[in-house]
Protein backbone atom coordinates (compact mmCIF):
# COMPACT_ATOMS: atom_id res chain seq x y z
CA MET A 1 84.27 -46.76 2.32
CA ILE A 2 82.13 -43.68 1.71
CA THR A 3 82.79 -40.09 2.78
CA ASP A 4 80.17 -37.37 3.05
CA GLY A 5 82.18 -34.64 1.41
CA SER A 6 82.62 -32.68 4.65
CA ALA A 7 85.94 -31.11 5.40
CA ALA A 8 88.00 -32.96 7.95
CA VAL A 9 89.36 -31.39 11.09
CA ALA A 10 92.99 -31.48 12.07
CA PRO A 11 94.18 -33.83 14.79
CA LEU A 12 93.99 -32.41 18.33
CA SER A 13 97.71 -31.85 18.35
CA ARG A 14 97.15 -29.24 15.62
CA ARG A 15 93.98 -27.82 17.17
CA GLY A 16 95.23 -26.90 20.63
CA GLY A 17 93.62 -29.86 22.40
CA VAL A 18 90.05 -30.83 23.20
CA GLY A 19 89.08 -27.42 24.51
CA GLY A 20 91.06 -25.44 21.98
CA GLY A 21 88.65 -22.92 20.48
CA VAL A 22 86.83 -23.24 17.20
CA THR A 23 87.68 -26.36 15.22
CA ARG A 24 89.86 -25.58 12.25
CA LEU A 25 88.63 -27.16 9.04
CA LEU A 26 91.10 -28.61 6.56
CA PRO A 27 90.66 -29.53 2.91
CA VAL A 28 89.49 -33.06 2.24
CA ALA A 29 92.80 -33.65 0.51
CA LEU A 30 94.47 -33.66 3.93
CA LEU A 31 92.37 -36.59 5.13
CA LEU A 32 95.05 -38.97 3.91
CA VAL A 33 98.07 -38.01 5.98
CA SER A 34 101.14 -39.16 4.12
CA LEU A 35 103.52 -41.54 5.79
CA ALA A 36 106.30 -39.08 5.10
CA ALA A 37 104.54 -36.55 7.32
CA GLN A 38 104.31 -39.13 10.10
CA ALA A 39 107.77 -40.70 9.82
CA GLN A 40 109.85 -37.77 11.05
CA THR A 41 112.22 -39.49 13.46
CA SER A 42 115.54 -41.12 12.67
CA ARG A 43 114.12 -44.37 14.00
CA ASP A 44 111.28 -44.23 11.50
CA SER A 45 113.72 -43.58 8.70
CA ALA A 46 115.67 -46.64 9.75
CA GLU A 47 112.64 -48.91 10.08
CA TYR A 48 110.38 -47.97 7.15
CA THR A 49 113.00 -49.23 4.73
CA LEU A 50 110.91 -51.62 2.64
CA ARG A 51 109.03 -50.37 -0.40
CA VAL A 52 105.82 -52.10 -1.42
CA ALA A 53 104.13 -51.16 -4.69
CA ALA A 54 100.40 -50.58 -4.23
CA LYS A 55 97.52 -48.98 -6.09
CA LYS A 56 93.98 -47.94 -5.18
CA THR A 57 90.68 -48.90 -6.72
CA ILE A 58 88.85 -45.99 -8.35
CA ASN A 59 85.04 -45.98 -8.49
CA ASN A 60 85.09 -49.20 -6.49
CA SER A 61 81.99 -51.39 -6.24
CA THR A 62 80.41 -50.00 -9.41
CA VAL A 63 78.54 -52.45 -11.59
CA ASP A 64 78.73 -50.45 -14.81
CA GLY A 65 82.29 -51.33 -15.79
CA LYS A 66 83.75 -47.95 -14.80
CA ALA A 67 85.87 -49.16 -11.91
CA GLY A 68 89.59 -48.81 -12.44
CA PHE A 69 92.86 -48.31 -10.59
CA SER A 70 95.37 -45.61 -9.82
CA GLU A 71 98.97 -46.06 -10.89
CA TYR A 72 101.21 -48.21 -8.74
CA LYS A 73 103.21 -46.26 -6.17
CA ASP A 74 105.88 -47.42 -3.73
CA TYR A 75 104.92 -47.04 -0.06
CA PRO A 76 107.43 -46.99 2.81
CA THR A 77 106.78 -50.13 4.85
CA ARG A 78 107.90 -51.46 8.20
CA ALA A 79 107.98 -55.17 9.04
CA LEU A 80 109.18 -57.46 11.82
CA THR A 81 112.49 -57.83 10.03
CA THR A 82 113.13 -54.06 9.99
CA LEU A 83 112.11 -53.35 13.60
CA GLN A 84 115.28 -52.09 15.27
CA GLY A 85 116.28 -53.80 18.49
CA TYR A 86 113.46 -56.33 18.44
CA ALA A 87 114.17 -59.93 19.42
CA PRO A 88 111.23 -62.35 19.00
CA ALA A 89 110.08 -64.22 22.08
CA GLU A 90 107.33 -66.69 22.87
CA VAL A 91 104.52 -65.71 25.26
CA PRO A 92 102.43 -68.58 26.68
CA LEU A 93 98.68 -68.28 26.08
CA SER A 94 95.56 -68.85 28.13
CA LYS A 95 92.70 -71.01 26.86
CA TYR A 96 91.13 -67.88 25.35
CA GLY A 97 94.34 -66.67 23.71
CA GLY A 98 95.27 -64.15 26.39
CA ARG A 99 98.81 -63.90 27.70
CA LEU A 100 99.49 -66.11 30.72
CA ASP A 101 102.33 -63.92 31.98
CA LYS A 102 100.16 -60.87 32.77
CA ARG A 103 96.94 -60.94 34.77
CA THR A 104 94.46 -58.55 36.37
CA LYS A 105 90.99 -58.91 37.88
CA ALA A 106 88.90 -61.69 36.33
CA THR A 107 85.17 -61.10 35.86
CA GLY A 108 84.29 -64.23 33.90
CA PHE A 109 83.74 -62.23 30.70
CA PHE A 110 85.78 -60.15 28.25
CA ARG A 111 86.27 -56.50 29.17
CA VAL A 112 88.80 -53.68 28.65
CA GLU A 113 91.09 -51.88 31.07
CA LYS A 114 93.88 -49.33 30.81
CA ILE A 115 96.91 -50.70 32.63
CA GLY A 116 100.28 -48.98 32.85
CA GLY A 117 99.58 -46.58 30.00
CA ARG A 118 98.23 -49.19 27.57
CA TRP A 119 94.68 -50.32 26.89
CA TRP A 120 94.12 -54.06 27.05
CA ALA A 121 91.21 -56.33 26.55
CA VAL A 122 91.02 -58.77 29.46
CA ASP A 123 89.93 -62.37 28.96
CA PRO A 124 87.38 -64.10 31.24
CA GLU A 125 90.18 -65.45 33.45
CA GLY A 126 91.81 -62.03 33.83
CA TYR A 127 94.70 -62.44 31.38
CA TYR A 128 95.69 -59.52 29.16
CA PHE A 129 94.23 -60.04 25.68
CA LEU A 130 94.17 -58.57 22.17
CA HIS A 131 91.32 -59.64 19.89
CA ASN A 132 92.86 -60.79 16.62
CA ALA A 133 90.24 -62.12 14.20
CA PRO A 134 89.12 -62.39 10.59
CA ASN A 135 85.65 -61.18 9.63
CA ASP A 136 83.05 -63.30 7.88
CA VAL A 137 84.34 -66.65 9.08
CA GLN A 138 81.92 -68.87 7.20
CA PRO A 139 82.15 -70.91 4.00
CA GLY A 140 80.84 -69.28 0.84
CA SER A 141 77.59 -70.56 -0.64
CA SER A 142 78.75 -70.97 -4.25
CA ALA A 143 78.70 -74.44 -5.80
CA ARG A 144 82.49 -74.67 -5.98
CA THR A 145 83.02 -73.66 -2.36
CA GLN A 146 80.35 -76.03 -1.11
CA LYS A 147 81.94 -78.87 -3.10
CA ALA A 148 85.32 -78.01 -1.62
CA LEU A 149 83.82 -78.05 1.87
CA ARG A 150 82.34 -81.52 1.36
CA ASP A 151 85.51 -82.88 -0.23
CA LYS A 152 87.83 -81.49 2.45
CA TYR A 153 85.77 -81.56 5.63
CA GLY A 154 82.66 -83.66 5.04
CA ASP A 155 80.18 -81.20 6.52
CA ARG A 156 79.96 -77.80 8.23
CA ALA A 157 80.85 -79.24 11.62
CA GLY A 158 84.01 -80.72 10.13
CA TRP A 159 84.80 -77.42 8.43
CA MET A 160 84.29 -75.49 11.68
CA ALA A 161 86.49 -77.81 13.72
CA ALA A 162 89.28 -77.55 11.15
CA THR A 163 88.84 -73.79 10.79
CA ARG A 164 89.13 -73.18 14.53
CA LYS A 165 92.43 -75.08 14.50
CA PHE A 166 93.52 -73.24 11.34
CA LEU A 167 92.89 -69.84 12.91
CA LEU A 168 94.63 -70.70 16.17
CA ALA A 169 97.61 -72.18 14.32
CA ASN A 170 98.05 -68.88 12.49
CA GLY A 171 97.92 -66.78 15.64
CA PHE A 172 94.29 -65.63 15.49
CA ASN A 173 92.11 -66.02 18.58
CA GLY A 174 88.60 -65.13 17.47
CA THR A 175 86.12 -64.21 14.76
CA GLY A 176 84.78 -60.84 13.69
CA ALA A 177 81.56 -59.63 12.13
CA TRP A 178 79.28 -61.76 9.93
CA SER A 179 80.74 -65.05 11.07
CA ALA A 180 78.94 -68.38 11.47
CA THR A 181 77.79 -67.79 15.04
CA LYS A 182 75.90 -71.05 15.59
CA ASP A 183 78.73 -73.15 14.15
CA ILE A 184 81.27 -71.29 16.28
CA GLN A 185 79.19 -71.72 19.43
CA ALA A 186 78.79 -75.45 18.80
CA GLU A 187 82.52 -75.89 18.20
CA ASN A 188 83.42 -73.77 21.22
CA ALA A 189 81.23 -75.93 23.44
CA GLN A 190 83.54 -78.89 22.91
CA ALA A 191 86.86 -77.13 22.36
CA ALA A 192 89.60 -76.73 24.95
CA LYS A 193 90.65 -73.50 23.20
CA PRO A 194 87.53 -71.61 22.05
CA LEU A 195 87.29 -68.70 19.62
CA ALA A 196 86.28 -65.30 21.00
CA TYR A 197 83.43 -64.33 18.70
CA THR A 198 81.34 -61.21 18.04
CA VAL A 199 77.67 -60.69 17.20
CA ASN A 200 76.13 -58.09 14.87
CA LEU A 201 72.76 -56.83 16.10
CA ASP A 202 71.73 -54.51 13.22
CA PHE A 203 69.42 -52.31 15.30
CA MET A 204 68.96 -49.50 12.79
CA SER A 205 69.24 -51.56 9.62
CA GLY A 206 66.82 -54.11 11.07
CA TYR A 207 64.38 -51.37 11.97
CA GLY A 208 64.81 -49.88 8.50
CA SER A 209 64.02 -53.19 6.83
CA LYS A 210 60.87 -53.50 8.90
CA ARG A 211 59.85 -49.87 8.42
CA GLY A 212 60.72 -49.62 4.74
CA GLY A 213 62.59 -46.94 2.84
CA THR A 214 66.11 -48.37 2.95
CA TYR A 215 68.06 -49.58 -0.07
CA VAL A 216 71.25 -51.46 -0.98
CA GLN A 217 74.53 -49.56 -1.14
CA PRO A 218 77.97 -51.10 -1.60
CA GLY A 219 79.16 -52.19 1.82
CA HIS A 220 76.17 -51.15 3.90
CA LYS A 221 72.51 -50.17 3.95
CA GLY A 222 71.36 -46.88 2.43
CA TYR A 223 68.83 -44.49 4.00
CA PRO A 224 66.72 -41.68 2.49
CA ASN A 225 68.78 -38.47 2.26
CA ASP A 226 71.58 -40.36 4.04
CA VAL A 227 69.86 -39.99 7.43
CA ILE A 228 68.90 -42.78 9.83
CA PHE A 229 65.47 -43.24 11.41
CA VAL A 230 66.67 -42.41 14.91
CA PHE A 231 63.86 -39.91 15.54
CA ASP A 232 61.09 -42.34 14.63
CA PRO A 233 58.88 -42.94 17.68
CA GLY A 234 58.98 -46.65 16.85
CA PHE A 235 62.75 -47.05 16.90
CA GLU A 236 63.18 -47.10 20.66
CA GLU A 237 60.47 -49.72 21.10
CA PHE A 238 62.00 -51.78 18.28
CA ALA A 239 65.41 -51.61 19.98
CA GLU A 240 63.97 -52.77 23.30
CA GLN A 241 62.26 -55.74 21.69
CA HIS A 242 65.18 -56.55 19.40
CA ALA A 243 67.63 -56.65 22.31
CA LYS A 244 65.69 -59.34 24.14
CA GLN A 245 67.52 -61.92 22.02
CA LEU A 246 70.72 -61.04 23.89
CA SER A 247 69.62 -63.01 26.92
CA GLN A 248 70.67 -66.20 25.09
CA HIS A 249 74.29 -64.99 25.08
CA LYS A 250 74.32 -63.53 28.59
CA LYS A 251 76.36 -66.32 30.19
CA ASP A 252 78.63 -67.14 27.23
CA LYS A 253 82.23 -66.54 28.28
CA ASN A 254 83.40 -66.86 24.68
CA LEU A 255 81.46 -63.84 23.39
CA PHE A 256 83.80 -60.86 22.99
CA GLY A 257 81.06 -58.28 22.42
CA TYR A 258 78.30 -56.78 20.27
CA PHE A 259 78.18 -54.44 17.28
CA SER A 260 74.93 -52.47 17.08
CA ASP A 261 75.12 -51.68 13.33
CA ASN A 262 77.57 -51.25 10.45
CA GLU A 263 78.70 -48.08 8.67
CA MET A 264 75.66 -45.91 9.31
CA PRO A 265 75.53 -42.43 7.71
CA LEU A 266 76.21 -40.42 10.87
CA LEU A 267 77.50 -37.46 8.89
CA ARG A 268 77.93 -33.70 9.15
CA LYS A 269 75.44 -33.19 6.36
CA ASN A 270 72.71 -34.90 8.42
CA LEU A 271 71.01 -31.65 9.47
CA ASP A 272 70.58 -30.67 5.81
CA GLY A 273 69.36 -34.19 5.03
CA TYR A 274 66.72 -34.27 7.75
CA LEU A 275 65.48 -30.77 6.89
CA THR A 276 64.88 -31.78 3.27
CA LEU A 277 62.84 -34.89 4.11
CA PRO A 278 59.07 -34.73 3.53
CA PRO A 279 57.50 -32.65 6.36
CA SER A 280 55.53 -35.68 7.56
CA GLU A 281 58.71 -37.62 8.39
CA PRO A 282 59.59 -37.82 12.11
CA GLY A 283 63.20 -36.99 11.24
CA TYR A 284 62.13 -33.75 9.58
CA VAL A 285 59.92 -32.82 12.53
CA ALA A 286 62.74 -33.41 15.03
CA ALA A 287 65.34 -31.53 12.98
CA LYS A 288 62.95 -28.62 12.34
CA LYS A 289 62.24 -28.31 16.06
CA TRP A 290 65.96 -28.40 16.85
CA ALA A 291 66.70 -25.78 14.19
CA ASP A 292 63.79 -23.51 15.15
CA GLU A 293 64.91 -23.48 18.78
CA ARG A 294 68.23 -22.09 17.58
CA GLY A 295 66.92 -19.73 14.91
CA ILE A 296 68.46 -21.81 12.12
CA THR A 297 67.13 -22.20 8.59
CA LEU A 298 68.42 -24.16 5.61
CA ALA A 299 69.83 -20.91 4.27
CA THR A 300 71.71 -20.02 7.45
CA ILE A 301 73.12 -23.38 8.59
CA THR A 302 76.78 -23.17 9.61
CA ASP A 303 79.36 -25.92 9.88
CA GLN A 304 79.16 -25.59 13.67
CA ASN A 305 75.39 -26.16 13.49
CA ARG A 306 76.01 -29.30 11.48
CA GLN A 307 78.49 -30.62 14.02
CA ASP A 308 76.17 -29.85 16.92
CA PHE A 309 73.26 -31.61 15.26
CA LEU A 310 75.36 -34.66 14.41
CA ALA A 311 76.23 -34.94 18.11
CA TYR A 312 72.52 -34.58 18.97
CA ALA A 313 71.44 -37.34 16.57
CA ALA A 314 74.30 -39.62 17.61
CA GLU A 315 73.46 -39.12 21.28
CA ARG A 316 69.93 -40.33 20.66
CA TYR A 317 71.09 -43.39 18.73
CA PHE A 318 73.81 -44.50 21.14
CA SER A 319 71.73 -43.86 24.26
CA ILE A 320 68.87 -46.00 22.93
CA VAL A 321 70.91 -48.98 21.77
CA ALA A 322 73.36 -48.97 24.69
CA LYS A 323 70.47 -49.01 27.16
CA ALA A 324 68.82 -51.90 25.32
CA ILE A 325 72.04 -53.91 25.13
CA LYS A 326 73.08 -53.47 28.76
CA LYS A 327 69.56 -54.10 30.06
CA ASN A 328 69.46 -57.52 28.41
CA ASP A 329 73.14 -58.44 28.72
CA PRO A 330 75.21 -56.46 31.22
CA ASN A 331 78.06 -58.97 30.99
CA HIS A 332 79.35 -58.25 27.49
CA MET A 333 80.88 -55.27 25.77
CA TYR A 334 79.20 -52.85 23.40
CA LEU A 335 81.68 -52.44 20.54
CA GLY A 336 79.94 -49.63 18.67
CA CYS A 337 78.56 -49.35 15.15
CA ARG A 338 81.70 -49.66 13.04
CA PHE A 339 82.54 -46.08 12.04
CA HIS A 340 83.76 -45.60 8.49
CA GLY A 341 85.07 -42.95 6.15
CA ALA A 342 85.40 -39.44 7.58
CA GLN A 343 83.63 -40.41 10.82
CA ARG A 344 86.98 -41.16 12.43
CA TYR A 345 87.84 -37.48 12.01
CA TYR A 346 84.71 -36.11 13.75
CA PRO A 347 85.50 -35.05 17.36
CA GLU A 348 81.83 -34.39 18.12
CA LEU A 349 80.90 -37.94 17.10
CA LEU A 350 83.76 -39.60 18.97
CA ARG A 351 82.99 -37.67 22.18
CA VAL A 352 79.37 -38.79 22.17
CA ALA A 353 80.23 -42.39 21.29
CA GLY A 354 82.69 -42.60 24.16
CA LYS A 355 79.89 -41.94 26.65
CA TYR A 356 78.10 -45.16 25.69
CA LEU A 357 80.59 -47.63 24.14
CA ASP A 358 83.10 -49.92 25.77
CA VAL A 359 85.27 -49.90 22.64
CA LEU A 360 85.26 -47.78 19.45
CA SER A 361 85.03 -49.84 16.27
CA ILE A 362 86.55 -48.32 13.15
CA ASN A 363 86.55 -49.71 9.62
CA TYR A 364 89.92 -48.27 8.66
CA TYR A 365 90.47 -47.82 4.93
CA ASN A 366 92.67 -45.70 2.64
CA ASN A 367 95.72 -45.52 4.88
CA TRP A 368 98.80 -47.64 4.29
CA THR A 369 99.94 -46.97 7.85
CA PRO A 370 97.80 -45.92 10.87
CA GLU A 371 97.70 -42.15 11.37
CA ARG A 372 99.59 -41.66 14.62
CA LYS A 373 98.08 -38.34 15.61
CA TRP A 374 94.51 -39.35 14.86
CA VAL A 375 94.84 -42.74 16.51
CA ALA A 376 95.98 -40.93 19.67
CA ASP A 377 93.09 -38.47 19.36
CA TRP A 378 90.52 -41.28 19.32
CA GLU A 379 91.34 -42.08 22.93
CA THR A 380 91.63 -38.41 23.94
CA LEU A 381 88.21 -37.64 22.50
CA SER A 382 86.30 -40.77 23.50
CA GLY A 383 88.14 -41.94 26.59
CA LYS A 384 87.98 -45.46 25.18
CA PRO A 385 90.23 -47.88 23.26
CA PHE A 386 89.52 -48.91 19.69
CA LEU A 387 89.26 -51.96 17.46
CA VAL A 388 90.01 -51.86 13.75
CA THR A 389 87.03 -53.84 12.49
CA GLU A 390 87.68 -53.83 8.74
CA TRP A 391 90.86 -53.49 6.71
CA TYR A 392 92.51 -55.52 3.98
CA VAL A 393 94.63 -55.48 0.87
CA LYS A 394 94.04 -57.36 -2.39
CA GLY A 395 96.66 -59.28 -4.35
CA GLU A 396 96.93 -59.00 -8.11
CA ASP A 397 98.30 -62.55 -8.30
CA ALA A 398 95.02 -64.15 -7.13
CA PRO A 399 93.65 -65.93 -10.23
CA GLY A 400 90.23 -65.06 -11.60
CA LEU A 401 89.64 -61.98 -9.44
CA ALA A 402 89.41 -58.51 -11.01
CA ASN A 403 89.77 -56.76 -7.62
CA THR A 404 87.51 -53.85 -8.59
CA ALA A 405 85.03 -54.48 -5.75
CA GLY A 406 85.39 -52.97 -2.31
CA ALA A 407 87.75 -50.50 -0.74
CA GLY A 408 91.29 -51.41 0.18
CA TRP A 409 94.62 -51.40 -1.63
CA VAL A 410 95.87 -53.68 -4.41
CA VAL A 411 99.41 -55.08 -4.32
CA LYS A 412 101.25 -57.40 -6.67
CA THR A 413 101.67 -60.55 -4.57
CA GLN A 414 100.38 -62.44 -1.55
CA ALA A 415 103.71 -61.81 0.17
CA ASP A 416 103.10 -58.09 -0.30
CA ARG A 417 99.69 -58.54 1.34
CA GLY A 418 101.56 -59.99 4.31
CA LEU A 419 103.92 -57.01 4.45
CA PHE A 420 100.94 -54.65 4.48
CA TYR A 421 99.49 -56.66 7.37
CA GLN A 422 102.69 -56.41 9.38
CA ASN A 423 103.18 -52.72 8.65
CA PHE A 424 99.64 -51.83 9.72
CA THR A 425 99.47 -53.99 12.84
CA LEU A 426 102.83 -52.69 14.06
CA GLY A 427 101.34 -49.20 13.95
CA LEU A 428 98.29 -50.38 15.89
CA LEU A 429 100.41 -52.03 18.57
CA GLU A 430 102.61 -48.96 18.80
CA SER A 431 99.56 -46.78 19.53
CA LYS A 432 98.88 -48.36 22.95
CA ASN A 433 95.12 -47.79 22.65
CA CYS A 434 94.21 -50.53 20.16
CA VAL A 435 92.73 -53.70 21.69
CA GLY A 436 92.51 -55.71 18.49
CA TRP A 437 92.01 -55.91 14.75
CA HIS A 438 89.62 -57.79 12.45
CA TRP A 439 90.91 -58.53 8.95
CA PHE A 440 88.31 -58.43 6.19
CA LYS A 441 87.94 -61.36 5.58
CA TYR A 442 88.19 -65.17 5.88
CA GLN A 443 87.40 -66.09 2.24
CA ASP A 444 87.74 -64.33 -1.10
CA ASN A 445 84.80 -62.85 -2.93
CA ASP A 446 83.42 -65.37 -5.43
CA PRO A 447 82.58 -64.02 -8.91
CA THR A 448 80.46 -67.13 -9.58
CA LEU A 449 78.07 -66.27 -6.75
CA VAL A 450 74.88 -64.73 -8.14
CA GLY A 451 73.40 -61.82 -6.19
CA ALA A 452 76.46 -61.01 -4.09
CA GLU A 453 76.52 -57.73 -2.16
CA PRO A 454 78.00 -55.05 -4.49
CA SER A 455 81.21 -54.48 -2.54
CA ASN A 456 81.97 -58.21 -2.37
CA THR A 457 81.86 -59.51 -5.93
CA ASN A 458 85.36 -60.12 -7.28
CA ALA A 459 88.15 -59.26 -4.86
CA ASN A 460 91.02 -61.09 -3.19
CA LYS A 461 90.27 -60.27 0.43
CA GLY A 462 90.55 -63.70 1.98
CA LEU A 463 92.92 -65.79 3.99
CA VAL A 464 91.65 -68.61 1.79
CA ASP A 465 90.43 -68.78 -1.80
CA ASN A 466 87.08 -70.01 -3.09
CA TYR A 467 88.24 -73.61 -2.90
CA LEU A 468 89.13 -73.05 0.79
CA GLU A 469 92.85 -73.26 0.00
CA PRO A 470 95.03 -70.93 2.13
CA TYR A 471 97.16 -68.11 0.73
CA GLN A 472 100.33 -69.36 2.39
CA PRO A 473 102.70 -66.43 1.64
CA LEU A 474 100.15 -64.08 3.23
CA LEU A 475 99.54 -66.37 6.19
CA ASP A 476 103.25 -66.88 6.85
CA LYS A 477 103.67 -63.17 7.53
CA MET A 478 100.38 -62.89 9.42
CA LYS A 479 101.37 -65.78 11.67
CA ALA A 480 104.81 -64.32 12.33
CA LEU A 481 103.24 -61.07 13.53
CA ASN A 482 100.29 -62.61 15.36
CA GLN A 483 102.44 -64.91 17.44
CA GLN A 484 104.56 -61.94 18.53
CA MET A 485 101.76 -59.44 19.23
CA TYR A 486 102.02 -59.54 23.03
CA HIS A 487 105.80 -59.38 23.06
CA LEU A 488 105.60 -56.54 20.52
CA ALA A 489 103.27 -54.62 22.84
CA ASP A 490 105.90 -54.92 25.58
CA PHE A 491 108.61 -53.86 23.14
CA PHE A 492 106.75 -50.67 22.19
CA ASP A 493 105.92 -49.95 25.84
CA GLN A 494 109.60 -50.12 26.78
CA ARG A 495 110.83 -48.04 23.85
CA GLN A 496 111.99 -44.54 24.60
CA PRO A 497 110.18 -41.91 22.52
CA GLN A 498 112.08 -39.99 19.88
């Protein structure tokens, strides 16, 4: 998780709505809305009765030994057991994991629809659906994990068959980013209950690798001056050619949708960044032309200029990739580029994205509980539902893992990880505009793996450890929530507001 240092804006409810005058800027300190500020009703006071001790990683993903942790602090937490008036019930499932008791128009592919005040994904047969999936569903490449795979499952096909059953048994119905696509497709082809999978396309990062000039950052690719190459004349042609591979997925009913990139630096400081590139760079030329047309110089740039330019750059990116995706595969959803950090607080970015995406994807870190006002604003601004595409918590009781890598919270036990999961997903279900969540990730980071990506070196993020053994106390609470997610949606829909 990286922020760009820009001030955040207040939720729409504190700004007078979408059309409410000049955006009021707030200090960065207010980015993290405290749960106390959200939990103002008597019902909240009665339900957030658990206290889970958690701490945050400081200077995460550094490789110089400077990473550390904040002090432990108790966070108010809600769980299935504290949800007032809730009685668990079983909902029968379709072959894709949708709910058999509620159905709308079937198109043969996954899509989204707002029905009765709530956004739903819809499975290929027309059943209401929420996409519930771990990211990075693939076995690690370290020697110990590969030995465990052979000992337990024989080969990758055996691992994949068992893993599909493992996920379904714990209430998951798909796979998120960076998963073993070919293995999943092969298993799905012979399975009565397939996994709904996603595909990462890496338009900009792929173009950057081909073009040159990018570099490794923890969690995602870095770009010169933190600006993407969206104004390069060659990017649009690259996107058109790159998207031709989508034709192979065009008829696959099990594909949930596509991500175009991950955690790109679409930031409010982009105008400054482009204007300080070498004058020969296409990004400089485009930004200079935009600024000159408005009488703007580096010395006179305002925050409003920065927001307007971010919208301009984002419009170019989303229009190019959305056109390429839909031209080659009109059947499947475009799930966005996995916004991160302060991007979820940028109205100008969310408005533009909503014009081109089917679903917003948000890597949601640094909040113990979803921010009610902002989560509501995401739909108001974009007109679309959202997926949480990364989130996790690390357990201090996982042996051999220092937990300094990556974003996310640290708690004391695997059971506490499960309570975090329940608390967060209850907030997502309560929002009525979330169509799924992707836990990061299937397997722990492996400290024995040489050359691992900097944000994935030593942390307890997995459902399973590096010997492919499950964290049962975590999974028990995940399963309990997952198997109730549809009934919980009904419960929140029927609740009277307070």
